[in-house]
Full PDB file with SEQRES, HELIX, SHEET, SSBOND, CRYST1, ORIGX, SCALE, CONECT and MASTER records, all heavy atoms in Angstrom:
SEQRES   1 A   36  ASN ASP ILE VAL LEU ALA ALA ALA PHE VAL ALA GLY VAL          
SEQRES   2 A   36  THR LYS VAL PHE THR VAL GLY GLY ALA GLN ALA VAL ALA          
SEQRES   3 A   36  ALA LEU ALA TYR GLY THR GLU SER VAL PRO                      
HELIX    1 AA1 ASP A    2  VAL A   10  1                                   9    
HELIX    2 AA2 GLY A   21  TYR A   30  1                                  10    
CRYST1    1.000    1.000    1.000  90.00  90.00  90.00 P 1           1          
ORIGX1      1.000000  0.000000  0.000000        0.00000                         
ORIGX2      0.000000  1.000000  0.000000        0.00000                         
ORIGX3      0.000000  0.000000  1.000000        0.00000                         
SCALE1      1.000000  0.000000  0.000000        0.00000                         
SCALE2      0.000000  1.000000  0.000000        0.00000                         
SCALE3      0.000000  0.000000  1.000000        0.00000                         
ATOM      1  N   ASN A   1     -57.705  24.054  25.765  1.00  0.00           N  
ATOM      2  CA  ASN A   1     -56.595  24.564  24.967  1.00  0.00           C  
ATOM      3  C   ASN A   1     -55.362  24.745  25.837  1.00  0.00           C  
ATOM      4  O   ASN A   1     -55.351  25.571  26.756  1.00  0.00           O  
ATOM      5  CB  ASN A   1     -57.001  25.894  24.318  1.00  0.00           C  
ATOM      6  CG  ASN A   1     -55.972  26.389  23.342  1.00  0.00           C  
ATOM      7  OD1 ASN A   1     -54.908  26.850  23.744  1.00  0.00           O  
ATOM      8  ND2 ASN A   1     -56.277  26.281  22.060  1.00  0.00           N  
ATOM      9  N   ASP A   2     -54.311  23.990  25.551  1.00  0.00           N  
ATOM     10  CA  ASP A   2     -53.110  24.017  26.392  1.00  0.00           C  
ATOM     11  C   ASP A   2     -52.463  25.388  26.450  1.00  0.00           C  
ATOM     12  O   ASP A   2     -51.965  25.810  27.498  1.00  0.00           O  
ATOM     13  CB  ASP A   2     -52.088  22.988  25.893  1.00  0.00           C  
ATOM     14  CG  ASP A   2     -52.321  21.598  26.467  1.00  0.00           C  
ATOM     15  OD1 ASP A   2     -53.179  21.461  27.358  1.00  0.00           O  
ATOM     16  OD2 ASP A   2     -51.632  20.651  26.031  1.00  0.00           O  
ATOM     17  N   ILE A   3     -52.463  26.128  25.336  1.00  0.00           N  
ATOM     18  CA  ILE A   3     -51.753  27.412  25.339  1.00  0.00           C  
ATOM     19  C   ILE A   3     -52.488  28.435  26.216  1.00  0.00           C  
ATOM     20  O   ILE A   3     -51.870  29.273  26.880  1.00  0.00           O  
ATOM     21  CB  ILE A   3     -51.543  27.939  23.898  1.00  0.00           C  
ATOM     22  CG1 ILE A   3     -50.551  29.104  23.920  1.00  0.00           C  
ATOM     23  CG2 ILE A   3     -52.843  28.337  23.242  1.00  0.00           C  
ATOM     24  CD1 ILE A   3     -50.088  29.523  22.534  1.00  0.00           C  
ATOM     25  N   VAL A   4     -53.824  28.348  26.256  1.00  0.00           N  
ATOM     26  CA  VAL A   4     -54.594  29.237  27.128  1.00  0.00           C  
ATOM     27  C   VAL A   4     -54.330  28.893  28.591  1.00  0.00           C  
ATOM     28  O   VAL A   4     -54.107  29.772  29.432  1.00  0.00           O  
ATOM     29  CB  VAL A   4     -56.096  29.134  26.809  1.00  0.00           C  
ATOM     30  CG1 VAL A   4     -56.927  29.840  27.881  1.00  0.00           C  
ATOM     31  CG2 VAL A   4     -56.392  29.746  25.449  1.00  0.00           C  
ATOM     32  N   LEU A   5     -54.320  27.613  28.898  1.00  0.00           N  
ATOM     33  CA  LEU A   5     -54.071  27.189  30.283  1.00  0.00           C  
ATOM     34  C   LEU A   5     -52.632  27.480  30.683  1.00  0.00           C  
ATOM     35  O   LEU A   5     -52.361  27.848  31.833  1.00  0.00           O  
ATOM     36  CB  LEU A   5     -54.383  25.704  30.433  1.00  0.00           C  
ATOM     37  CG  LEU A   5     -55.817  25.294  30.072  1.00  0.00           C  
ATOM     38  CD1 LEU A   5     -56.030  23.809  30.324  1.00  0.00           C  
ATOM     39  CD2 LEU A   5     -56.831  26.129  30.842  1.00  0.00           C  
ATOM     40  N   ALA A   6     -51.708  27.327  29.750  1.00  0.00           N  
ATOM     41  CA  ALA A   6     -50.312  27.649  30.039  1.00  0.00           C  
ATOM     42  C   ALA A   6     -50.146  29.132  30.316  1.00  0.00           C  
ATOM     43  O   ALA A   6     -49.373  29.534  31.201  1.00  0.00           O  
ATOM     44  CB  ALA A   6     -49.429  27.232  28.862  1.00  0.00           C  
ATOM     45  N   ALA A   7     -50.879  29.967  29.584  1.00  0.00           N  
ATOM     46  CA  ALA A   7     -50.831  31.411  29.831  1.00  0.00           C  
ATOM     47  C   ALA A   7     -51.329  31.726  31.238  1.00  0.00           C  
ATOM     48  O   ALA A   7     -50.807  32.609  31.922  1.00  0.00           O  
ATOM     49  CB  ALA A   7     -51.653  32.155  28.796  1.00  0.00           C  
ATOM     50  N   ALA A   8     -52.350  30.998  31.687  1.00  0.00           N  
ATOM     51  CA  ALA A   8     -52.857  31.188  33.048  1.00  0.00           C  
ATOM     52  C   ALA A   8     -51.793  30.829  34.075  1.00  0.00           C  
ATOM     53  O   ALA A   8     -51.645  31.495  35.104  1.00  0.00           O  
ATOM     54  CB  ALA A   8     -54.110  30.335  33.254  1.00  0.00           C  
ATOM     55  N   PHE A   9     -51.024  29.783  33.795  1.00  0.00           N  
ATOM     56  CA  PHE A   9     -49.942  29.384  34.689  1.00  0.00           C  
ATOM     57  C   PHE A   9     -48.869  30.470  34.751  1.00  0.00           C  
ATOM     58  O   PHE A   9     -48.433  30.879  35.832  1.00  0.00           O  
ATOM     59  CB  PHE A   9     -49.340  28.071  34.204  1.00  0.00           C  
ATOM     60  CG  PHE A   9     -48.088  27.657  34.930  1.00  0.00           C  
ATOM     61  CD1 PHE A   9     -48.137  27.235  36.249  1.00  0.00           C  
ATOM     62  CD2 PHE A   9     -46.858  27.696  34.291  1.00  0.00           C  
ATOM     63  CE1 PHE A   9     -46.980  26.865  36.929  1.00  0.00           C  
ATOM     64  CE2 PHE A   9     -45.695  27.325  34.951  1.00  0.00           C  
ATOM     65  CZ  PHE A   9     -45.755  26.909  36.277  1.00  0.00           C  
ATOM     66  N   VAL A  10     -48.468  30.967  33.590  1.00  0.00           N  
ATOM     67  CA  VAL A  10     -47.421  31.987  33.518  1.00  0.00           C  
ATOM     68  C   VAL A  10     -47.867  33.286  34.180  1.00  0.00           C  
ATOM     69  O   VAL A  10     -47.067  33.974  34.826  1.00  0.00           O  
ATOM     70  CB  VAL A  10     -47.026  32.228  32.041  1.00  0.00           C  
ATOM     71  CG1 VAL A  10     -46.122  33.443  31.908  1.00  0.00           C  
ATOM     72  CG2 VAL A  10     -46.340  30.996  31.462  1.00  0.00           C  
ATOM     73  N   ALA A  11     -49.147  33.620  34.040  1.00  0.00           N  
ATOM     74  CA  ALA A  11     -49.650  34.902  34.540  1.00  0.00           C  
ATOM     75  C   ALA A  11     -50.092  34.844  35.993  1.00  0.00           C  
ATOM     76  O   ALA A  11     -50.563  35.843  36.535  1.00  0.00           O  
ATOM     77  CB  ALA A  11     -50.805  35.385  33.673  1.00  0.00           C  
ATOM     78  N   GLY A  12     -49.962  33.687  36.646  1.00  0.00           N  
ATOM     79  CA  GLY A  12     -50.255  33.605  38.070  1.00  0.00           C  
ATOM     80  C   GLY A  12     -51.721  33.479  38.424  1.00  0.00           C  
ATOM     81  O   GLY A  12     -52.146  33.923  39.503  1.00  0.00           O  
ATOM     82  N   VAL A  13     -52.519  32.874  37.533  1.00  0.00           N  
ATOM     83  CA  VAL A  13     -53.931  32.643  37.844  1.00  0.00           C  
ATOM     84  C   VAL A  13     -54.039  31.623  38.978  1.00  0.00           C  
ATOM     85  O   VAL A  13     -53.310  30.624  39.009  1.00  0.00           O  
ATOM     86  CB  VAL A  13     -54.682  32.143  36.594  1.00  0.00           C  
ATOM     87  CG1 VAL A  13     -56.081  31.641  36.944  1.00  0.00           C  
ATOM     88  CG2 VAL A  13     -54.761  33.259  35.554  1.00  0.00           C  
ATOM     89  N   THR A  14     -54.951  31.858  39.905  1.00  0.00           N  
ATOM     90  CA  THR A  14     -55.088  30.999  41.084  1.00  0.00           C  
ATOM     91  C   THR A  14     -55.825  29.700  40.774  1.00  0.00           C  
ATOM     92  O   THR A  14     -55.383  28.612  41.146  1.00  0.00           O  
ATOM     93  CB  THR A  14     -55.853  31.742  42.198  1.00  0.00           C  
ATOM     94  OG1 THR A  14     -55.237  33.014  42.423  1.00  0.00           O  
ATOM     95  CG2 THR A  14     -55.852  30.937  43.487  1.00  0.00           C  
ATOM     96  N   LYS A  15     -56.974  29.827  40.095  1.00  0.00           N  
ATOM     97  CA  LYS A  15     -57.798  28.657  39.801  1.00  0.00           C  
ATOM     98  C   LYS A  15     -58.580  28.916  38.527  1.00  0.00           C  
ATOM     99  O   LYS A  15     -58.929  30.059  38.219  1.00  0.00           O  
ATOM    100  CB  LYS A  15     -58.756  28.361  40.953  1.00  0.00           C  
ATOM    101  CG  LYS A  15     -59.594  27.094  40.780  1.00  0.00           C  
ATOM    102  CD  LYS A  15     -60.550  26.877  41.956  1.00  0.00           C  
ATOM    103  CE  LYS A  15     -59.811  26.447  43.205  1.00  0.00           C  
ATOM    104  NZ  LYS A  15     -60.758  26.047  44.291  1.00  0.00           N  
ATOM    105  N   VAL A  16     -58.866  27.844  37.779  1.00  0.00           N  
ATOM    106  CA  VAL A  16     -59.601  27.957  36.524  1.00  0.00           C  
ATOM    107  C   VAL A  16     -60.853  27.093  36.583  1.00  0.00           C  
ATOM    108  O   VAL A  16     -60.803  25.927  37.003  1.00  0.00           O  
ATOM    109  CB  VAL A  16     -58.735  27.523  35.327  1.00  0.00           C  
ATOM    110  CG1 VAL A  16     -59.554  27.514  34.035  1.00  0.00           C  
ATOM    111  CG2 VAL A  16     -57.523  28.449  35.173  1.00  0.00           C  
ATOM    112  N   PHE A  17     -61.973  27.672  36.155  1.00  0.00           N  
ATOM    113  CA  PHE A  17     -63.215  26.928  35.967  1.00  0.00           C  
ATOM    114  C   PHE A  17     -63.519  26.889  34.468  1.00  0.00           C  
ATOM    115  O   PHE A  17     -63.532  27.940  33.809  1.00  0.00           O  
ATOM    116  CB  PHE A  17     -64.375  27.603  36.709  1.00  0.00           C  
ATOM    117  CG  PHE A  17     -64.265  27.532  38.205  1.00  0.00           C  
ATOM    118  CD1 PHE A  17     -63.519  28.481  38.903  1.00  0.00           C  
ATOM    119  CD2 PHE A  17     -64.886  26.516  38.922  1.00  0.00           C  
ATOM    120  CE1 PHE A  17     -63.402  28.420  40.284  1.00  0.00           C  
ATOM    121  CE2 PHE A  17     -64.765  26.452  40.305  1.00  0.00           C  
ATOM    122  CZ  PHE A  17     -64.030  27.400  40.987  1.00  0.00           C  
ATOM    123  N   THR A  18     -63.731  25.704  33.941  1.00  0.00           N  
ATOM    124  CA  THR A  18     -63.961  25.565  32.507  1.00  0.00           C  
ATOM    125  C   THR A  18     -65.443  25.765  32.200  1.00  0.00           C  
ATOM    126  O   THR A  18     -66.156  24.859  31.762  1.00  0.00           O  
ATOM    127  CB  THR A  18     -63.472  24.198  31.995  1.00  0.00           C  
ATOM    128  OG1 THR A  18     -64.127  23.153  32.731  1.00  0.00           O  
ATOM    129  CG2 THR A  18     -61.971  24.067  32.164  1.00  0.00           C  
ATOM    130  N   VAL A  19     -65.888  26.974  32.442  1.00  0.00           N  
ATOM    131  CA  VAL A  19     -67.262  27.376  32.166  1.00  0.00           C  
ATOM    132  C   VAL A  19     -67.224  28.703  31.432  1.00  0.00           C  
ATOM    133  O   VAL A  19     -66.250  29.460  31.524  1.00  0.00           O  
ATOM    134  CB  VAL A  19     -68.092  27.497  33.465  1.00  0.00           C  
ATOM    135  CG1 VAL A  19     -68.197  26.142  34.159  1.00  0.00           C  
ATOM    136  CG2 VAL A  19     -67.487  28.528  34.415  1.00  0.00           C  
ATOM    137  N   GLY A  20     -68.280  28.997  30.703  1.00  0.00           N  
ATOM    138  CA  GLY A  20     -68.316  30.250  29.959  1.00  0.00           C  
ATOM    139  C   GLY A  20     -69.728  30.811  29.927  1.00  0.00           C  
ATOM    140  O   GLY A  20     -70.627  30.345  30.635  1.00  0.00           O  
ATOM    141  N   GLY A  21     -69.932  31.813  29.082  1.00  0.00           N  
ATOM    142  CA  GLY A  21     -71.243  32.393  28.905  1.00  0.00           C  
ATOM    143  C   GLY A  21     -71.739  33.174  30.102  1.00  0.00           C  
ATOM    144  O   GLY A  21     -71.016  33.467  31.058  1.00  0.00           O  
ATOM    145  N   ALA A  22     -73.033  33.515  30.046  1.00  0.00           N  
ATOM    146  CA  ALA A  22     -73.651  34.285  31.123  1.00  0.00           C  
ATOM    147  C   ALA A  22     -73.574  33.548  32.446  1.00  0.00           C  
ATOM    148  O   ALA A  22     -73.461  34.172  33.513  1.00  0.00           O  
ATOM    149  CB  ALA A  22     -75.110  34.585  30.770  1.00  0.00           C  
ATOM    150  N   GLN A  23     -73.604  32.195  32.396  1.00  0.00           N  
ATOM    151  CA  GLN A  23     -73.563  31.421  33.638  1.00  0.00           C  
ATOM    152  C   GLN A  23     -72.237  31.595  34.364  1.00  0.00           C  
ATOM    153  O   GLN A  23     -72.194  31.606  35.608  1.00  0.00           O  
ATOM    154  CB  GLN A  23     -73.838  29.936  33.366  1.00  0.00           C  
ATOM    155  CG  GLN A  23     -72.841  29.224  32.483  1.00  0.00           C  
ATOM    156  CD  GLN A  23     -73.193  29.321  30.999  1.00  0.00           C  
ATOM    157  OE1 GLN A  23     -73.935  30.214  30.587  1.00  0.00           O  
ATOM    158  NE2 GLN A  23     -72.673  28.391  30.204  1.00  0.00           N  
ATOM    159  N   ALA A  24     -71.148  31.749  33.618  1.00  0.00           N  
ATOM    160  CA  ALA A  24     -69.845  31.961  34.251  1.00  0.00           C  
ATOM    161  C   ALA A  24     -69.785  33.332  34.911  1.00  0.00           C  
ATOM    162  O   ALA A  24     -69.252  33.482  36.025  1.00  0.00           O  
ATOM    163  CB  ALA A  24     -68.732  31.822  33.211  1.00  0.00           C  
ATOM    164  N   VAL A  25     -70.305  34.345  34.224  1.00  0.00           N  
ATOM    165  CA  VAL A  25     -70.323  35.701  34.789  1.00  0.00           C  
ATOM    166  C   VAL A  25     -71.160  35.729  36.057  1.00  0.00           C  
ATOM    167  O   VAL A  25     -70.774  36.324  37.074  1.00  0.00           O  
ATOM    168  CB  VAL A  25     -70.862  36.699  33.743  1.00  0.00           C  
ATOM    169  CG1 VAL A  25     -71.034  38.086  34.361  1.00  0.00           C  
ATOM    170  CG2 VAL A  25     -69.935  36.764  32.534  1.00  0.00           C  
ATOM    171  N   ALA A  26     -72.320  35.071  36.021  1.00  0.00           N  
ATOM    172  CA  ALA A  26     -73.190  35.034  37.195  1.00  0.00           C  
ATOM    173  C   ALA A  26     -72.510  34.328  38.360  1.00  0.00           C  
ATOM    174  O   ALA A  26     -72.601  34.768  39.513  1.00  0.00           O  
ATOM    175  CB  ALA A  26     -74.505  34.341  36.843  1.00  0.00           C  
ATOM    176  N   ALA A  27     -71.812  33.222  38.075  1.00  0.00           N  
ATOM    177  CA  ALA A  27     -71.126  32.485  39.138  1.00  0.00           C  
ATOM    178  C   ALA A  27     -70.061  33.352  39.799  1.00  0.00           C  
ATOM    179  O   ALA A  27     -69.920  33.355  41.030  1.00  0.00           O  
ATOM    180  CB  ALA A  27     -70.504  31.213  38.567  1.00  0.00           C  
ATOM    181  N   LEU A  28     -69.304  34.091  38.989  1.00  0.00           N  
ATOM    182  CA  LEU A  28     -68.282  34.976  39.553  1.00  0.00           C  
ATOM    183  C   LEU A  28     -68.907  36.108  40.359  1.00  0.00           C  
ATOM    184  O   LEU A  28     -68.383  36.513  41.405  1.00  0.00           O  
ATOM    185  CB  LEU A  28     -67.432  35.565  38.425  1.00  0.00           C  
ATOM    186  CG  LEU A  28     -66.510  34.606  37.672  1.00  0.00           C  
ATOM    187  CD1 LEU A  28     -65.899  35.304  36.463  1.00  0.00           C  
ATOM    188  CD2 LEU A  28     -65.402  34.070  38.577  1.00  0.00           C  
ATOM    189  N   ALA A  29     -70.028  36.633  39.880  1.00  0.00           N  
ATOM    190  CA  ALA A  29     -70.643  37.793  40.530  1.00  0.00           C  
ATOM    191  C   ALA A  29     -71.323  37.422  41.847  1.00  0.00           C  
ATOM    192  O   ALA A  29     -71.206  38.145  42.844  1.00  0.00           O  
ATOM    193  CB  ALA A  29     -71.652  38.436  39.589  1.00  0.00           C  
ATOM    194  N   TYR A  30     -72.045  36.315  41.859  1.00  0.00           N  
ATOM    195  CA  TYR A  30     -72.835  35.954  43.038  1.00  0.00           C  
ATOM    196  C   TYR A  30     -72.158  34.905  43.910  1.00  0.00           C  
ATOM    197  O   TYR A  30     -72.479  34.789  45.099  1.00  0.00           O  
ATOM    198  CB  TYR A  30     -74.211  35.440  42.611  1.00  0.00           C  
ATOM    199  CG  TYR A  30     -74.990  36.426  41.784  1.00  0.00           C  
ATOM    200  CD1 TYR A  30     -75.374  36.128  40.477  1.00  0.00           C  
ATOM    201  CD2 TYR A  30     -75.336  37.673  42.304  1.00  0.00           C  
ATOM    202  CE1 TYR A  30     -76.094  37.031  39.715  1.00  0.00           C  
ATOM    203  CE2 TYR A  30     -76.057  38.589  41.544  1.00  0.00           C  
ATOM    204  CZ  TYR A  30     -76.434  38.257  40.247  1.00  0.00           C  
ATOM    205  OH  TYR A  30     -77.129  39.166  39.497  1.00  0.00           O  
ATOM    206  N   GLY A  31     -71.230  34.148  43.316  1.00  0.00           N  
ATOM    207  CA  GLY A  31     -70.610  33.051  44.029  1.00  0.00           C  
ATOM    208  C   GLY A  31     -71.517  31.827  44.038  1.00  0.00           C  
ATOM    209  O   GLY A  31     -72.743  31.943  43.968  1.00  0.00           O  
ATOM    210  N   THR A  32     -70.922  30.657  44.068  1.00  0.00           N  
ATOM    211  CA  THR A  32     -71.662  29.404  44.218  1.00  0.00           C  
ATOM    212  C   THR A  32     -70.984  28.613  45.334  1.00  0.00           C  
ATOM    213  O   THR A  32     -70.066  29.115  45.986  1.00  0.00           O  
ATOM    214  CB  THR A  32     -71.639  28.573  42.916  1.00  0.00           C  
ATOM    215  OG1 THR A  32     -70.306  28.054  42.710  1.00  0.00           O  
ATOM    216  CG2 THR A  32     -72.041  29.412  41.705  1.00  0.00           C  
ATOM    217  N   GLU A  33     -71.401  27.374  45.522  1.00  0.00           N  
ATOM    218  CA  GLU A  33     -70.758  26.552  46.541  1.00  0.00           C  
ATOM    219  C   GLU A  33     -69.260  26.381  46.261  1.00  0.00           C  
ATOM    220  O   GLU A  33     -68.460  26.217  47.187  1.00  0.00           O  
ATOM    221  CB  GLU A  33     -71.411  25.166  46.610  1.00  0.00           C  
ATOM    222  CG  GLU A  33     -72.887  25.186  46.967  1.00  0.00           C  
ATOM    223  CD  GLU A  33     -73.791  25.228  45.748  1.00  0.00           C  
ATOM    224  OE1 GLU A  33     -73.397  25.831  44.722  1.00  0.00           O  
ATOM    225  OE2 GLU A  33     -74.883  24.652  45.817  1.00  0.00           O  
ATOM    226  N   SER A  34     -68.894  26.428  44.974  1.00  0.00           N  
ATOM    227  CA  SER A  34     -67.495  26.167  44.603  1.00  0.00           C  
ATOM    228  C   SER A  34     -66.787  27.371  43.995  1.00  0.00           C  
ATOM    229  O   SER A  34     -65.579  27.519  44.158  1.00  0.00           O  
ATOM    230  CB  SER A  34     -67.434  25.005  43.609  1.00  0.00           C  
ATOM    231  OG  SER A  34     -68.013  23.841  44.150  1.00  0.00           O  
ATOM    232  N   VAL A  35     -67.526  28.207  43.297  1.00  0.00           N  
ATOM    233  CA  VAL A  35     -66.927  29.387  42.678  1.00  0.00           C  
ATOM    234  C   VAL A  35     -66.994  30.545  43.664  1.00  0.00           C  
ATOM    235  O   VAL A  35     -68.086  30.949  44.071  1.00  0.00           O  
ATOM    236  CB  VAL A  35     -67.657  29.776  41.377  1.00  0.00           C  
ATOM    237  CG1 VAL A  35     -66.994  31.002  40.739  1.00  0.00           C  
ATOM    238  CG2 VAL A  35     -67.680  28.612  40.402  1.00  0.00           C  
ATOM    239  N   PRO A  36     -65.850  31.077  44.075  1.00  0.00           N  
ATOM    240  CA  PRO A  36     -65.887  32.190  45.040  1.00  0.00           C  
ATOM    241  C   PRO A  36     -66.373  33.481  44.395  1.00  0.00           C  
ATOM    242  O   PRO A  36     -66.088  33.751  43.228  1.00  0.00           O  
ATOM    243  CB  PRO A  36     -64.426  32.313  45.479  1.00  0.00           C  
ATOM    244  CG  PRO A  36     -63.633  31.768  44.337  1.00  0.00           C  
ATOM    245  CD  PRO A  36     -64.475  30.695  43.711  1.00  0.00           C  
TER     246      PRO A  36                                                      
MASTER        0    0    0    2    0    0    0    6  245    1    0    3          
END                                                                             
């Protein structure tokens, strides 16, 4: 969705991963090879 990504640009988001659900929360919490 362009408007969501544009909002991330305006709000100064550093990087976006197009993942969701419990797997996204786990990746953020524990970190992966690519997700800090």
